N, C-alpha and C. Protein backbone atom coordinates (compact mmCIF):
# COMPACT_ATOMS: atom_id res chain seq x y z
N MET A 1 104.31 160.37 103.38
CA MET A 1 105.94 160.29 102.51
C MET A 1 105.77 159.10 101.32
N SER A 2 106.37 159.55 100.19
CA SER A 2 106.41 158.99 99.15
C SER A 2 106.95 157.43 99.17
N ASP A 3 106.08 156.62 98.23
CA ASP A 3 106.59 155.17 98.29
C ASP A 3 107.48 154.87 97.08
N ASP A 4 108.08 156.27 96.23
CA ASP A 4 109.12 156.25 95.31
C ASP A 4 110.43 155.90 95.84
N ARG A 5 110.64 154.42 95.28
CA ARG A 5 112.08 154.28 95.92
C ARG A 5 113.18 154.66 95.14
N ARG A 6 112.75 155.43 93.91
CA ARG A 6 113.81 156.29 93.16
C ARG A 6 115.09 156.88 93.57
N VAL A 7 116.28 156.60 93.63
CA VAL A 7 117.48 156.82 94.37
C VAL A 7 117.78 158.29 93.38
N PHE A 8 117.76 158.00 92.05
CA PHE A 8 118.42 158.78 90.97
C PHE A 8 117.15 159.37 90.01
N PRO A 9 117.27 160.79 89.44
CA PRO A 9 116.38 161.68 88.64
C PRO A 9 116.26 160.82 87.31
N ARG A 10 115.33 160.46 87.00
CA ARG A 10 115.07 159.89 85.50
C ARG A 10 114.46 160.76 84.40
N LEU A 11 115.48 160.40 82.86
CA LEU A 11 115.20 160.81 81.93
C LEU A 11 114.17 160.29 81.47
N GLN A 12 112.68 160.62 81.05
CA GLN A 12 111.88 159.77 80.15
C GLN A 12 112.26 160.20 78.66
N LEU A 13 112.39 158.76 77.65
CA LEU A 13 112.79 159.08 76.50
C LEU A 13 111.36 159.33 75.49
N ASP A 14 111.22 160.45 74.79
CA ASP A 14 110.44 160.79 73.52
C ASP A 14 110.26 160.79 72.37
N CYS A 15 111.81 159.60 72.41
CA CYS A 15 112.26 159.02 71.22
C CYS A 15 112.94 158.16 70.90
N PRO A 16 112.35 157.14 69.84
CA PRO A 16 113.03 155.64 70.02
C PRO A 16 114.54 155.62 70.11
N CYS A 17 115.04 155.14 71.15
CA CYS A 17 116.35 154.97 71.35
C CYS A 17 116.91 153.32 71.45
N PHE A 18 117.11 152.88 70.80
CA PHE A 18 117.83 150.83 70.62
C PHE A 18 118.85 150.74 71.30
N VAL A 19 118.83 149.48 71.88
CA VAL A 19 119.82 149.23 72.41
C VAL A 19 119.82 147.76 72.60
N THR A 20 120.92 146.90 72.87
CA THR A 20 120.96 145.55 72.65
C THR A 20 121.26 145.51 73.98
N LEU A 21 120.37 144.49 74.66
CA LEU A 21 120.51 143.65 76.20
C LEU A 21 121.32 142.40 75.90
N ARG A 22 122.78 142.65 76.49
CA ARG A 22 123.39 141.44 76.56
C ARG A 22 123.55 140.27 77.80
N ARG A 23 123.02 139.36 77.68
CA ARG A 23 122.97 138.28 78.74
C ARG A 23 122.83 136.67 78.05
N ASP A 24 123.79 136.12 79.15
CA ASP A 24 123.73 134.83 78.86
C ASP A 24 123.33 133.83 78.23
N ALA A 25 121.73 133.98 77.97
CA ALA A 25 120.75 133.26 77.31
C ALA A 25 120.39 133.87 76.13
N GLY A 26 121.29 135.03 75.53
CA GLY A 26 121.58 135.73 73.96
C GLY A 26 120.74 137.20 74.35
N ASP A 27 121.41 137.70 73.25
CA ASP A 27 121.49 139.05 72.86
C ASP A 27 119.95 139.42 72.66
N LEU A 28 119.14 140.65 73.47
CA LEU A 28 117.54 141.06 73.45
C LEU A 28 117.69 142.25 72.69
N PRO A 29 117.26 142.73 71.46
CA PRO A 29 116.96 144.16 70.95
C PRO A 29 116.04 144.84 71.97
N CYS A 30 116.36 145.96 72.48
CA CYS A 30 115.26 146.91 73.33
C CYS A 30 114.94 147.95 73.24
N MET A 31 114.44 148.61 73.61
CA MET A 31 114.08 150.22 73.16
C MET A 31 114.31 150.93 74.76
N LEU A 32 114.96 152.15 75.13
CA LEU A 32 115.08 152.65 76.09
C LEU A 32 113.81 153.28 76.63
N GLY A 33 113.53 153.42 77.47
CA GLY A 33 112.20 154.10 78.13
C GLY A 33 112.71 154.91 79.10
N ASN A 34 113.36 154.98 79.88
CA ASN A 34 114.14 155.95 80.37
C ASN A 34 115.46 155.65 81.21
N ILE A 35 116.19 156.94 81.27
CA ILE A 35 117.62 156.61 81.69
C ILE A 35 117.92 157.42 83.14
N SER A 36 118.72 156.95 83.90
CA SER A 36 119.10 157.44 84.94
C SER A 36 120.62 157.30 85.38
N SER A 37 121.27 157.91 86.02
CA SER A 37 122.92 157.80 86.45
C SER A 37 122.92 155.80 86.82
N GLY A 38 121.54 155.44 87.64
CA GLY A 38 121.65 154.27 88.41
C GLY A 38 120.90 153.09 88.08
N GLY A 39 120.62 153.46 86.40
CA GLY A 39 119.85 152.30 85.68
C GLY A 39 119.08 152.80 84.52
N VAL A 40 118.18 151.89 83.70
CA VAL A 40 117.75 152.23 82.92
C VAL A 40 116.32 151.33 82.60
N MET A 41 115.36 151.79 82.42
CA MET A 41 113.77 151.07 82.17
C MET A 41 114.04 150.73 80.60
N LEU A 42 113.63 149.27 80.24
CA LEU A 42 114.01 149.12 78.55
C LEU A 42 112.01 148.32 78.51
N GLN A 43 111.66 148.73 77.25
CA GLN A 43 111.11 148.28 76.56
C GLN A 43 111.63 147.00 75.77
N LEU A 44 111.28 145.16 76.51
CA LEU A 44 111.62 144.31 75.63
C LEU A 44 110.89 143.99 74.34
N PRO A 45 111.55 142.97 73.68
CA PRO A 45 110.55 142.17 72.47
C PRO A 45 109.48 141.91 73.13
N PRO A 46 108.03 141.78 72.21
CA PRO A 46 106.93 141.04 72.57
C PRO A 46 106.92 139.64 73.15
N PHE A 47 107.58 138.98 72.62
CA PHE A 47 108.48 137.41 73.03
C PHE A 47 108.59 137.44 74.31
N CYS A 48 108.70 138.32 74.82
CA CYS A 48 109.03 138.10 76.38
C CYS A 48 107.82 138.34 77.47
N ALA A 49 106.87 138.70 76.92
CA ALA A 49 105.56 139.19 78.00
C ALA A 49 105.68 137.57 78.49
N THR A 50 105.61 136.68 78.04
CA THR A 50 105.76 135.42 79.01
C THR A 50 106.55 135.07 79.67
N ASP A 51 107.32 135.27 79.50
CA ASP A 51 108.64 134.88 80.66
C ASP A 51 109.07 136.06 81.29
N GLY A 52 109.51 137.04 80.56
CA GLY A 52 110.05 138.20 81.00
C GLY A 52 111.62 137.98 81.62
N LEU A 53 112.30 138.51 82.11
CA LEU A 53 113.53 138.51 82.42
C LEU A 53 113.74 137.89 84.00
N PRO A 54 114.89 137.27 84.43
CA PRO A 54 114.81 136.58 86.09
C PRO A 54 115.32 137.53 86.97
N PHE A 55 114.55 137.95 88.22
CA PHE A 55 115.05 138.80 88.84
C PHE A 55 116.65 138.46 89.24
N GLY A 56 117.71 139.61 89.12
CA GLY A 56 119.04 139.44 89.53
C GLY A 56 119.93 138.97 88.30
N GLU A 57 119.41 138.84 87.44
CA GLU A 57 120.14 138.15 86.11
C GLU A 57 121.57 139.18 85.80
N VAL A 58 122.49 139.07 85.27
CA VAL A 58 123.48 139.99 85.10
C VAL A 58 123.27 140.24 83.69
N VAL A 59 123.32 141.38 83.22
CA VAL A 59 123.10 141.88 82.16
C VAL A 59 124.13 143.14 81.54
N SER A 60 124.14 143.46 80.32
CA SER A 60 125.05 144.51 79.87
C SER A 60 124.39 145.31 78.97
N LEU A 61 124.69 146.63 78.53
CA LEU A 61 123.73 147.24 77.15
C LEU A 61 125.20 147.19 76.14
N VAL A 62 124.81 146.80 75.14
CA VAL A 62 125.76 146.92 73.86
C VAL A 62 124.67 147.44 72.80
N GLU A 63 125.66 148.03 71.67
CA GLU A 63 125.11 148.55 70.42
C GLU A 63 124.03 149.62 70.90
N VAL A 64 125.08 150.38 71.67
CA VAL A 64 124.11 151.73 71.91
C VAL A 64 124.32 152.72 71.05
N PRO A 65 123.32 153.78 70.82
CA PRO A 65 123.76 154.91 69.94
C PRO A 65 124.83 155.80 69.97
N LYS A 66 125.38 156.12 69.09
CA LYS A 66 126.45 156.96 69.29
C LYS A 66 126.44 157.91 70.10
N ALA A 67 125.85 158.51 70.28
CA ALA A 67 125.39 159.61 70.76
C ALA A 67 125.30 159.28 72.69
N LEU A 68 124.76 158.15 72.70
CA LEU A 68 124.62 157.59 74.03
C LEU A 68 125.94 156.70 74.60
N ALA A 69 126.70 156.37 73.75
CA ALA A 69 128.22 155.14 73.96
C ALA A 69 128.90 155.72 75.02
N GLY A 70 129.16 156.64 74.91
CA GLY A 70 130.11 157.13 75.77
C GLY A 70 129.63 156.90 76.97
N ALA A 71 128.37 157.25 77.44
CA ALA A 71 127.91 156.88 78.45
C ALA A 71 127.38 155.52 78.85
N LEU A 72 126.53 154.53 77.98
CA LEU A 72 125.75 153.58 78.10
C LEU A 72 126.50 152.40 77.65
N GLU A 73 127.41 152.58 76.91
CA GLU A 73 127.86 151.19 75.95
C GLU A 73 128.77 150.39 76.86
N GLY A 74 128.32 148.86 77.05
CA GLY A 74 128.68 148.22 78.00
C GLY A 74 128.60 148.24 79.60
N ALA A 75 127.79 149.07 79.59
CA ALA A 75 127.37 149.13 81.56
C ALA A 75 126.79 148.04 81.91
N GLN A 76 127.59 147.72 82.53
CA GLN A 76 126.98 145.97 83.42
C GLN A 76 125.60 146.64 84.68
N GLY A 77 124.93 145.93 85.03
CA GLY A 77 124.17 145.44 85.98
C GLY A 77 123.15 144.54 85.96
N ARG A 78 122.61 144.80 86.61
CA ARG A 78 121.49 143.48 87.06
C ARG A 78 120.07 143.92 87.14
N VAL A 79 119.23 142.85 86.77
CA VAL A 79 117.68 142.89 86.49
C VAL A 79 117.07 142.99 87.77
N ALA A 80 116.11 144.47 87.99
CA ALA A 80 116.11 144.89 89.32
C ALA A 80 114.36 144.49 89.59
N TRP A 81 113.53 144.36 88.30
CA TRP A 81 112.41 144.55 88.24
C TRP A 81 111.82 143.90 86.48
N CYS A 82 111.18 142.89 86.55
CA CYS A 82 110.46 142.84 85.05
C CYS A 82 108.98 142.81 85.27
N SER A 83 108.26 143.35 84.27
CA SER A 83 106.82 143.21 84.41
C SER A 83 106.10 143.01 82.93
N GLY A 84 105.95 142.10 82.40
CA GLY A 84 105.24 141.80 81.03
C GLY A 84 106.17 142.17 80.17
N VAL A 85 106.65 143.04 79.21
CA VAL A 85 107.46 143.46 78.49
C VAL A 85 107.98 144.47 78.89
N GLN A 86 108.48 145.15 79.93
CA GLN A 86 109.00 146.20 80.65
C GLN A 86 110.20 145.71 81.94
N ALA A 87 111.55 146.36 81.94
CA ALA A 87 112.11 145.76 83.09
C ALA A 87 113.07 146.99 82.87
N GLY A 88 113.75 146.76 84.52
CA GLY A 88 114.51 147.86 84.97
C GLY A 88 115.64 147.13 85.27
N ILE A 89 116.86 148.03 84.62
CA ILE A 89 118.03 147.51 84.81
C ILE A 89 119.01 148.52 85.93
N CYS A 90 119.64 147.90 87.08
CA CYS A 90 120.17 148.64 87.83
C CYS A 90 121.81 148.51 87.87
N PHE A 91 122.41 149.53 87.26
CA PHE A 91 123.76 149.47 86.85
C PHE A 91 124.54 148.78 88.27
N ASP A 92 125.71 148.56 87.83
CA ASP A 92 126.47 147.81 88.83
C ASP A 92 127.41 149.36 89.45
N ASP A 93 127.89 150.03 88.86
CA ASP A 93 128.43 151.24 88.81
C ASP A 93 127.23 152.51 88.51
N VAL A 94 127.18 153.61 89.54
CA VAL A 94 126.53 154.37 89.13
C VAL A 94 127.54 155.37 88.32
N LEU A 95 126.50 155.61 86.69
CA LEU A 95 127.23 155.98 85.65
C LEU A 95 127.57 157.88 86.47
N PRO A 96 128.58 158.23 85.77
CA PRO A 96 129.39 159.57 86.02
C PRO A 96 128.32 160.53 85.21
N PHE A 97 127.11 160.56 84.95
CA PHE A 97 126.11 161.23 83.88
C PHE A 97 125.43 161.85 84.73
N ASN A 98 124.86 163.21 84.92
CA ASN A 98 123.02 163.46 85.35
C ASN A 98 122.56 163.49 84.38
N VAL A 99 120.98 163.88 84.34
CA VAL A 99 120.21 163.73 83.78
C VAL A 99 120.45 164.68 82.81
N ASP A 100 120.85 165.83 82.77
CA ASP A 100 120.93 166.97 82.34
C ASP A 100 122.48 166.48 81.05
N ASP A 101 123.34 165.42 81.33
CA ASP A 101 124.43 165.36 80.38
C ASP A 101 123.86 164.70 79.38
N ILE A 102 122.80 163.38 80.12
CA ILE A 102 122.12 162.53 79.03
C ILE A 102 121.48 163.44 78.18
N LEU A 103 120.44 164.42 78.72
CA LEU A 103 119.80 165.23 77.53
C LEU A 103 120.25 165.75 76.81
N ASP A 104 121.77 166.57 77.12
CA ASP A 104 122.57 167.13 76.23
C ASP A 104 123.30 166.12 74.89
N MET A 105 123.50 164.92 75.38
CA MET A 105 124.09 163.68 74.79
C MET A 105 122.54 163.35 73.74
N LEU A 106 121.78 163.24 74.40
CA LEU A 106 120.47 163.00 73.06
C LEU A 106 119.80 164.25 72.22
N ASP A 107 120.09 165.42 72.60
CA ASP A 107 119.71 166.63 71.31
C ASP A 107 120.46 166.11 70.23
N GLU A 108 121.47 165.49 69.74
CA GLU A 108 121.77 165.04 68.32
C GLU A 108 121.11 163.65 67.61
N VAL A 109 120.12 163.07 68.83
CA VAL A 109 119.66 161.71 68.56
C VAL A 109 117.74 161.87 68.08
N CYS A 110 117.37 163.19 69.12
CA CYS A 110 115.75 163.00 69.19
C CYS A 110 115.70 164.14 68.58
């Protein structure tokens, strides 16, 4: 049996897609690594490698590229994991989009 706990299929991004992670401690510029209906994996700025993000911290995505704004702008969630300069954000509410929908949105960006 697989140890993969992922519930939603993920779309690995093959082009730079930048967002801002809004948090109480201040906004962070990030790059999307992958997207699913349940969350995102983010590449954090290099200065985050030391302290990372606290598990469970409440965050939201803002300044999302226009093509994805309808799906991700203002999406709220919590830090599910953080390792070095990568972090997983689990959305509070599942997005009403699947991987194919997100791929269609990205066609004009990538």
